[in-house]
Amino acid sequence: MEGFVTALSKEISRYFEGHPDKEHLPLVYAAINDNLKNVNAQMNKRLLAILITCAAFELVSRSAIDSISLFGLDVKELTVVQRLIPMLVSYLYFSCVGWFALGVLLQDAHKATIASMFPGLKLVDVETYLRPSADVMLFGLVHGEASGRIQMLIGLSFIPVVMVIFLAPPIFVIYAAASLLAEFGFSDVLTSGSVALSLLFLIQGALLLSGAFRSHGAA
């Protein structure tokens, strides 16, 4: 997965180095901007879903609620929902990382498009203002173009963003998995299956995230 992201990033750079038809570049630029905004929207949806799901786990674990409404149905067997939540959170995390990786590739494509449309502009800070503002992605976009003290401050402000988005979900999944195993044991098939799939999604997400950062650092 990591190799795929890095290879695709290199292919994007090679494509624009070949000087594509200038007449089509504005259309490419507009499409990339739209896709970056979509990436941001999709990530926000998944982050909200992760937050709600984590809160639901705590409420169920503390017996604070008697039932949950899913797709119009009242589910009263909450222990089943409780055991499935870590798997759901880890999947949402993996999906969120996937969209982030796509956003990194789109950043590379955006930078290459700007360089082709306006030769020489890529070396000055004004390129940053030609990029769409997109909550999560904006930190990486601006940080890559800034320099000196401003770059350091942006880098420091990016730390809590990274912690919330990329560290909090895995930490919660590990906490939830440990709680479930302590309560239901390894012999419970649903618990063991949920924990195993949760770890699988976390590993896949970590590999994809590593590939995305490596790709962006090499661009």
C-alpha atoms as a PDB file:
ATOM      1  CA  MET A   1       0.000   0.000   0.000  1.00  0.00           C
ATOM      2  CA  GLU A   2       2.805   2.391   0.972  1.00  0.00           C
ATOM      3  CA  GLY A   3       4.724   1.615  -2.226  1.00  0.00           C
ATOM      4  CA  PHE A   4       1.611   2.203  -4.298  1.00  0.00           C
ATOM      5  CA  VAL A   5       1.095   5.711  -2.899  1.00  0.00           C
ATOM      6  CA  THR A   6       4.737   6.674  -3.423  1.00  0.00           C
ATOM      7  CA  ALA A   7       4.787   5.262  -6.962  1.00  0.00           C
ATOM      8  CA  LEU A   8       1.586   7.069  -7.888  1.00  0.00           C
ATOM      9  CA  SER A   9       3.010  10.336  -6.592  1.00  0.00           C
ATOM     10  CA  LYS A  10       6.055   9.894  -8.826  1.00  0.00           C
ATOM     11  CA  GLU A  11       3.827   9.149 -11.820  1.00  0.00           C
ATOM     12  CA  ILE A  12       1.969  12.422 -11.233  1.00  0.00           C
ATOM     13  CA  SER A  13       5.247  14.346 -11.299  1.00  0.00           C
ATOM     14  CA  ARG A  14       6.399  12.578 -14.471  1.00  0.00           C
ATOM     15  CA  TYR A  15       3.137  13.384 -16.223  1.00  0.00           C
ATOM     16  CA  PHE A  16       3.431  17.111 -15.661  1.00  0.00           C
ATOM     17  CA  GLU A  17       7.130  17.120 -16.469  1.00  0.00           C
ATOM     18  CA  GLY A  18       6.096  15.972 -19.947  1.00  0.00           C
ATOM     19  CA  HIS A  19       4.422  19.385 -20.564  1.00  0.00           C
ATOM     20  CA  PRO A  20       0.791  18.368 -21.179  1.00  0.00           C
ATOM     21  CA  ASP A  21      -1.483  20.411 -23.402  1.00  0.00           C
ATOM     22  CA  LYS A  22      -1.698  23.868 -21.779  1.00  0.00           C
ATOM     23  CA  GLU A  23      -5.283  24.341 -22.945  1.00  0.00           C
ATOM     24  CA  HIS A  24      -6.467  21.524 -20.690  1.00  0.00           C
ATOM     25  CA  LEU A  25      -4.587  22.651 -17.583  1.00  0.00           C
ATOM     26  CA  PRO A  26      -7.343  25.006 -16.278  1.00  0.00           C
ATOM     27  CA  LEU A  27      -9.802  22.100 -16.401  1.00  0.00           C
ATOM     28  CA  VAL A  28      -7.332  19.864 -14.596  1.00  0.00           C
ATOM     29  CA  TYR A  29      -6.744  22.594 -12.023  1.00  0.00           C
ATOM     30  CA  ALA A  30     -10.490  23.032 -11.387  1.00  0.00           C
ATOM     31  CA  ALA A  31     -11.030  19.274 -11.080  1.00  0.00           C
ATOM     32  CA  ILE A  32      -8.182  18.923  -8.580  1.00  0.00           C
ATOM     33  CA  ASN A  33      -9.567  21.781  -6.475  1.00  0.00           C
ATOM     34  CA  ASP A  34     -13.028  20.192  -6.435  1.00  0.00           C
ATOM     35  CA  ASN A  35     -11.561  16.837  -5.464  1.00  0.00           C
ATOM     36  CA  LEU A  36      -9.536  18.416  -2.643  1.00  0.00           C
ATOM     37  CA  LYS A  37     -12.703  19.971  -1.248  1.00  0.00           C
ATOM     38  CA  ASN A  38     -14.440  16.583  -1.510  1.00  0.00           C
ATOM     39  CA  VAL A  39     -11.558  14.927   0.346  1.00  0.00           C
ATOM     40  CA  ASN A  40     -11.960  17.429   3.160  1.00  0.00           C
ATOM     41  CA  ALA A  41     -15.725  16.843   3.339  1.00  0.00           C
ATOM     42  CA  GLN A  42     -15.314  13.055   3.391  1.00  0.00           C
ATOM     43  CA  MET A  43     -12.681  13.226   6.126  1.00  0.00           C
ATOM     44  CA  ASN A  44     -14.865  15.486   8.255  1.00  0.00           C
ATOM     45  CA  LYS A  45     -17.802  13.047   7.934  1.00  0.00           C
ATOM     46  CA  ARG A  46     -15.670  10.129   9.051  1.00  0.00           C
ATOM     47  CA  LEU A  47     -14.113  12.042  11.925  1.00  0.00           C
ATOM     48  CA  LEU A  48     -17.590  12.983  13.154  1.00  0.00           C
ATOM     49  CA  ALA A  49     -18.702   9.356  12.838  1.00  0.00           C
ATOM     50  CA  ILE A  50     -15.650   8.237  14.853  1.00  0.00           C
ATOM     51  CA  LEU A  51     -16.453  10.760  17.595  1.00  0.00           C
ATOM     52  CA  ILE A  52     -20.104   9.651  17.809  1.00  0.00           C
ATOM     53  CA  THR A  53     -19.157   5.968  17.792  1.00  0.00           C
ATOM     54  CA  CYS A  54     -16.573   6.412  20.545  1.00  0.00           C
ATOM     55  CA  ALA A  55     -19.133   8.256  22.665  1.00  0.00           C
ATOM     56  CA  ALA A  56     -21.640   5.454  22.057  1.00  0.00           C
ATOM     57  CA  PHE A  57     -19.122   2.870  23.283  1.00  0.00           C
ATOM     58  CA  GLU A  58     -18.616   4.714  26.545  1.00  0.00           C
ATOM     59  CA  LEU A  59     -22.367   5.122  27.081  1.00  0.00           C
ATOM     60  CA  VAL A  60     -23.009   1.431  26.424  1.00  0.00           C
ATOM     61  CA  SER A  61     -20.085   0.329  28.612  1.00  0.00           C
ATOM     62  CA  ARG A  62     -21.388   2.421  31.508  1.00  0.00           C
ATOM     63  CA  SER A  63     -24.994   1.216  30.967  1.00  0.00           C
ATOM     64  CA  ALA A  64     -26.037   4.832  30.456  1.00  0.00           C
ATOM     65  CA  ILE A  65     -28.467   3.899  27.665  1.00  0.00           C
ATOM     66  CA  ASP A  66     -30.955   1.038  27.249  1.00  0.00           C
ATOM     67  CA  SER A  67     -31.218   0.908  23.439  1.00  0.00           C
ATOM     68  CA  ILE A  68     -29.796   2.337  20.235  1.00  0.00           C
ATOM     69  CA  SER A  69     -31.728   3.206  17.089  1.00  0.00           C
ATOM     70  CA  LEU A  70     -30.036   1.891  13.947  1.00  0.00           C
ATOM     71  CA  PHE A  71     -31.666   2.473  10.567  1.00  0.00           C
ATOM     72  CA  GLY A  72     -35.039   2.953  12.235  1.00  0.00           C
ATOM     73  CA  LEU A  73     -34.753  -0.182  14.401  1.00  0.00           C
ATOM     74  CA  ASP A  74     -34.373  -0.169  18.179  1.00  0.00           C
ATOM     75  CA  VAL A  75     -31.489  -2.420  19.177  1.00  0.00           C
ATOM     76  CA  LYS A  76     -31.710  -3.545  22.799  1.00  0.00           C
ATOM     77  CA  GLU A  77     -28.944  -6.156  22.761  1.00  0.00           C
ATOM     78  CA  LEU A  78     -26.279  -3.531  23.343  1.00  0.00           C
ATOM     79  CA  THR A  79     -23.484  -5.948  24.182  1.00  0.00           C
ATOM     80  CA  VAL A  80     -23.425  -6.954  20.502  1.00  0.00           C
ATOM     81  CA  VAL A  81     -23.145  -3.317  19.467  1.00  0.00           C
ATOM     82  CA  GLN A  82     -20.504  -2.751  22.118  1.00  0.00           C
ATOM     83  CA  ARG A  83     -18.318  -5.575  20.779  1.00  0.00           C
ATOM     84  CA  LEU A  84     -18.615  -4.353  17.188  1.00  0.00           C
ATOM     85  CA  ILE A  85     -17.724  -0.722  17.906  1.00  0.00           C
ATOM     86  CA  PRO A  86     -13.896  -1.133  17.916  1.00  0.00           C
ATOM     87  CA  MET A  87     -14.072  -2.753  14.480  1.00  0.00           C
ATOM     88  CA  LEU A  88     -16.285   0.080  13.197  1.00  0.00           C
ATOM     89  CA  VAL A  89     -13.986   2.784  14.581  1.00  0.00           C
ATOM     90  CA  SER A  90     -10.889   1.123  13.121  1.00  0.00           C
ATOM     91  CA  TYR A  91     -12.608   0.830   9.728  1.00  0.00           C
ATOM     92  CA  LEU A  92     -13.613   4.503   9.820  1.00  0.00           C
ATOM     93  CA  TYR A  93     -10.019   5.343  10.742  1.00  0.00           C
ATOM     94  CA  PHE A  94      -8.702   3.303   7.812  1.00  0.00           C
ATOM     95  CA  SER A  95     -11.203   4.994   5.494  1.00  0.00           C
ATOM     96  CA  CYS A  96     -10.245   8.450   6.798  1.00  0.00           C
ATOM     97  CA  VAL A  97      -6.553   7.711   6.240  1.00  0.00           C
ATOM     98  CA  GLY A  98      -7.384   6.555   2.719  1.00  0.00           C
ATOM     99  CA  TRP A  99      -9.019   9.882   1.937  1.00  0.00           C
ATOM    100  CA  PHE A 100      -6.061  11.682   3.489  1.00  0.00           C
ATOM    101  CA  ALA A 101      -3.669   9.730   1.249  1.00  0.00           C
ATOM    102  CA  LEU A 102      -5.761  10.723  -1.760  1.00  0.00           C
ATOM    103  CA  GLY A 103      -5.562  14.324  -0.582  1.00  0.00           C
ATOM    104  CA  VAL A 104      -1.764  14.103  -0.445  1.00  0.00           C
ATOM    105  CA  LEU A 105      -1.668  12.843  -4.027  1.00  0.00           C
ATOM    106  CA  LEU A 106      -4.011  15.647  -5.060  1.00  0.00           C
ATOM    107  CA  GLN A 107      -1.679  18.152  -3.387  1.00  0.00           C
ATOM    108  CA  ASP A 108       1.170  16.830  -5.524  1.00  0.00           C
ATOM    109  CA  ALA A 109      -0.998  17.083  -8.625  1.00  0.00           C
ATOM    110  CA  HIS A 110      -2.073  20.615  -7.649  1.00  0.00           C
ATOM    111  CA  LYS A 111       1.511  21.735  -7.207  1.00  0.00           C
ATOM    112  CA  ALA A 112       2.517  20.214 -10.547  1.00  0.00           C
ATOM    113  CA  THR A 113      -0.458  21.866 -12.291  1.00  0.00           C
ATOM    114  CA  ILE A 114       0.434  25.291 -10.911  1.00  0.00           C
ATOM    115  CA  ALA A 115       4.050  24.812 -11.978  1.00  0.00           C
ATOM    116  CA  SER A 116       2.928  23.971 -15.519  1.00  0.00           C
ATOM    117  CA  MET A 117       0.379  26.790 -15.766  1.00  0.00           C
ATOM    118  CA  PHE A 118       2.630  29.437 -14.247  1.00  0.00           C
ATOM    119  CA  PRO A 119       6.308  28.516 -14.687  1.00  0.00           C
ATOM    120  CA  GLY A 120       8.439  29.939 -11.882  1.00  0.00           C
ATOM    121  CA  LEU A 121       5.494  30.614  -9.606  1.00  0.00           C
ATOM    122  CA  LYS A 122       6.104  27.432  -7.640  1.00  0.00           C
ATOM    123  CA  LEU A 123       9.162  29.024  -6.049  1.00  0.00           C
ATOM    124  CA  VAL A 124       7.266  31.826  -4.343  1.00  0.00           C
ATOM    125  CA  ASP A 125       4.715  31.869  -1.529  1.00  0.00           C
ATOM    126  CA  VAL A 126       1.877  33.136  -3.722  1.00  0.00           C
ATOM    127  CA  GLU A 127       1.329  29.541  -4.892  1.00  0.00           C
ATOM    128  CA  THR A 128      -0.075  28.791  -1.455  1.00  0.00           C
ATOM    129  CA  TYR A 129      -2.943  31.213  -2.044  1.00  0.00           C
ATOM    130  CA  LEU A 130      -3.884  29.491  -5.291  1.00  0.00           C
ATOM    131  CA  ARG A 131      -4.704  26.332  -3.391  1.00  0.00           C
ATOM    132  CA  PRO A 132      -8.152  25.663  -1.957  1.00  0.00           C
ATOM    133  CA  SER A 133      -8.572  26.033   1.789  1.00  0.00           C
ATOM    134  CA  ALA A 134      -9.477  22.642   3.227  1.00  0.00           C
ATOM    135  CA  ASP A 135      -9.474  22.374   7.029  1.00  0.00           C
ATOM    136  CA  VAL A 136      -7.321  19.301   7.637  1.00  0.00           C
ATOM    137  CA  MET A 137      -5.289  19.492   4.444  1.00  0.00           C
ATOM    138  CA  LEU A 138      -4.578  23.210   4.820  1.00  0.00           C
ATOM    139  CA  PHE A 139      -1.887  22.685   7.470  1.00  0.00           C
ATOM    140  CA  GLY A 140       0.174  20.483   5.193  1.00  0.00           C
ATOM    141  CA  LEU A 141      -0.380  22.748   2.197  1.00  0.00           C
ATOM    142  CA  VAL A 142       0.801  25.913   3.918  1.00  0.00           C
ATOM    143  CA  HIS A 143       3.571  24.218   5.893  1.00  0.00           C
ATOM    144  CA  GLY A 144       5.167  22.949   2.698  1.00  0.00           C
ATOM    145  CA  GLU A 145       5.331  26.455   1.217  1.00  0.00           C
ATOM    146  CA  ALA A 146       6.284  28.430   4.338  1.00  0.00           C
ATOM    147  CA  SER A 147       9.772  28.949   5.689  1.00  0.00           C
ATOM    148  CA  GLY A 148      11.605  30.027   8.838  1.00  0.00           C
ATOM    149  CA  ARG A 149       9.692  30.842  12.006  1.00  0.00           C
ATOM    150  CA  ILE A 150       6.294  30.696  10.275  1.00  0.00           C
ATOM    151  CA  GLN A 151       6.973  27.139   9.130  1.00  0.00           C
ATOM    152  CA  MET A 152       7.969  26.154  12.657  1.00  0.00           C
ATOM    153  CA  LEU A 153       4.789  27.666  14.163  1.00  0.00           C
ATOM    154  CA  ILE A 154       2.600  25.956  11.569  1.00  0.00           C
ATOM    155  CA  GLY A 155       4.399  22.694  12.253  1.00  0.00           C
ATOM    156  CA  LEU A 156       3.722  23.043  15.991  1.00  0.00           C
ATOM    157  CA  SER A 157       0.046  23.811  15.353  1.00  0.00           C
ATOM    158  CA  PHE A 158      -0.161  20.678  13.210  1.00  0.00           C
ATOM    159  CA  ILE A 159       0.841  18.451  16.166  1.00  0.00           C
ATOM    160  CA  PRO A 160      -2.594  18.483  17.899  1.00  0.00           C
ATOM    161  CA  VAL A 161      -4.265  17.933  14.515  1.00  0.00           C
ATOM    162  CA  VAL A 162      -2.136  14.836  13.940  1.00  0.00           C
ATOM    163  CA  MET A 163      -2.813  13.590  17.470  1.00  0.00           C
ATOM    164  CA  VAL A 164      -6.586  13.975  17.183  1.00  0.00           C
ATOM    165  CA  ILE A 165      -6.937  12.553  13.693  1.00  0.00           C
ATOM    166  CA  PHE A 166      -4.244   9.914  13.427  1.00  0.00           C
ATOM    167  CA  LEU A 167      -3.429   8.891  17.012  1.00  0.00           C
ATOM    168  CA  ALA A 168      -6.670   9.203  19.006  1.00  0.00           C
ATOM    169  CA  PRO A 169      -8.668   6.589  17.014  1.00  0.00           C
ATOM    170  CA  PRO A 170      -5.993   3.848  17.284  1.00  0.00           C
ATOM    171  CA  ILE A 171      -5.560   4.586  20.999  1.00  0.00           C
ATOM    172  CA  PHE A 172      -9.318   4.319  21.512  1.00  0.00           C
ATOM    173  CA  VAL A 173      -9.505   1.044  19.558  1.00  0.00           C
ATOM    174  CA  ILE A 174      -6.729  -0.494  21.665  1.00  0.00           C
ATOM    175  CA  TYR A 175      -8.447   0.712  24.862  1.00  0.00           C
ATOM    176  CA  ALA A 176     -11.829  -0.611  23.728  1.00  0.00           C
ATOM    177  CA  ALA A 177     -10.362  -3.943  22.601  1.00  0.00           C
ATOM    178  CA  ALA A 178      -8.621  -4.414  25.955  1.00  0.00           C
ATOM    179  CA  SER A 179     -11.848  -3.583  27.805  1.00  0.00           C
ATOM    180  CA  LEU A 180     -13.865  -6.059  25.745  1.00  0.00           C
ATOM    181  CA  LEU A 181     -11.325  -8.853  26.150  1.00  0.00           C
ATOM    182  CA  ALA A 182     -11.281  -8.256  29.902  1.00  0.00           C
ATOM    183  CA  GLU A 183     -15.069  -8.389  30.036  1.00  0.00           C
ATOM    184  CA  PHE A 184     -15.917 -11.148  27.529  1.00  0.00           C
ATOM    185  CA  GLY A 185     -12.619 -13.025  27.147  1.00  0.00           C
ATOM    186  CA  PHE A 186     -10.846 -14.499  24.131  1.00  0.00           C
ATOM    187  CA  SER A 187     -13.305 -17.381  23.992  1.00  0.00           C
ATOM    188  CA  ASP A 188     -16.094 -15.066  22.844  1.00  0.00           C
ATOM    189  CA  VAL A 189     -16.124 -15.399  19.054  1.00  0.00           C
ATOM    190  CA  LEU A 190     -17.646 -11.991  18.360  1.00  0.00           C
ATOM    191  CA  THR A 191     -15.170 -10.216  20.627  1.00  0.00           C
ATOM    192  CA  SER A 192     -12.141 -12.046  19.227  1.00  0.00           C
ATOM    193  CA  GLY A 193     -13.276 -11.479  15.640  1.00  0.00           C
ATOM    194  CA  SER A 194     -13.944  -7.793  16.237  1.00  0.00           C
ATOM    195  CA  VAL A 195     -10.548  -7.280  17.895  1.00  0.00           C
ATOM    196  CA  ALA A 196      -8.715  -9.150  15.122  1.00  0.00           C
ATOM    197  CA  LEU A 197     -10.366  -7.133  12.349  1.00  0.00           C
ATOM    198  CA  SER A 198      -9.794  -3.924  14.331  1.00  0.00           C
ATOM    199  CA  LEU A 199      -6.064  -4.601  14.486  1.00  0.00           C
ATOM    200  CA  LEU A 200      -6.020  -5.448  10.775  1.00  0.00           C
ATOM    201  CA  PHE A 201      -7.642  -2.121   9.860  1.00  0.00           C
ATOM    202  CA  LEU A 202      -5.257  -0.249  12.154  1.00  0.00           C
ATOM    203  CA  ILE A 203      -2.209  -1.875  10.552  1.00  0.00           C
ATOM    204  CA  GLN A 204      -3.478  -1.174   7.047  1.00  0.00           C
ATOM    205  CA  GLY A 205      -4.223   2.422   8.021  1.00  0.00           C
ATOM    206  CA  ALA A 206      -0.757   2.885   9.531  1.00  0.00           C
ATOM    207  CA  LEU A 207       0.918   1.544   6.376  1.00  0.00           C
ATOM    208  CA  LEU A 208      -1.178   3.785   4.155  1.00  0.00           C
ATOM    209  CA  LEU A 209      -0.526   6.816   6.356  1.00  0.00           C
ATOM    210  CA  SER A 210       3.212   6.137   6.297  1.00  0.00           C
ATOM    211  CA  GLY A 211       3.123   5.904   2.502  1.00  0.00           C
ATOM    212  CA  ALA A 212       1.196   9.171   2.246  1.00  0.00           C
ATOM    213  CA  PHE A 213       3.685  11.075   4.403  1.00  0.00           C
ATOM    214  CA  ARG A 214       6.672   9.539   2.628  1.00  0.00           C
ATOM    215  CA  SER A 215       5.164  10.436  -0.728  1.00  0.00           C
ATOM    216  CA  HIS A 216       4.515  14.039   0.336  1.00  0.00           C
ATOM    217  CA  GLY A 217       8.005  14.390   1.807  1.00  0.00           C
ATOM    218  CA  ALA A 218       9.610  13.171  -1.424  1.00  0.00           C
ATOM    219  CA  ALA A 219       7.470  15.407  -3.675  1.00  0.00           C
END
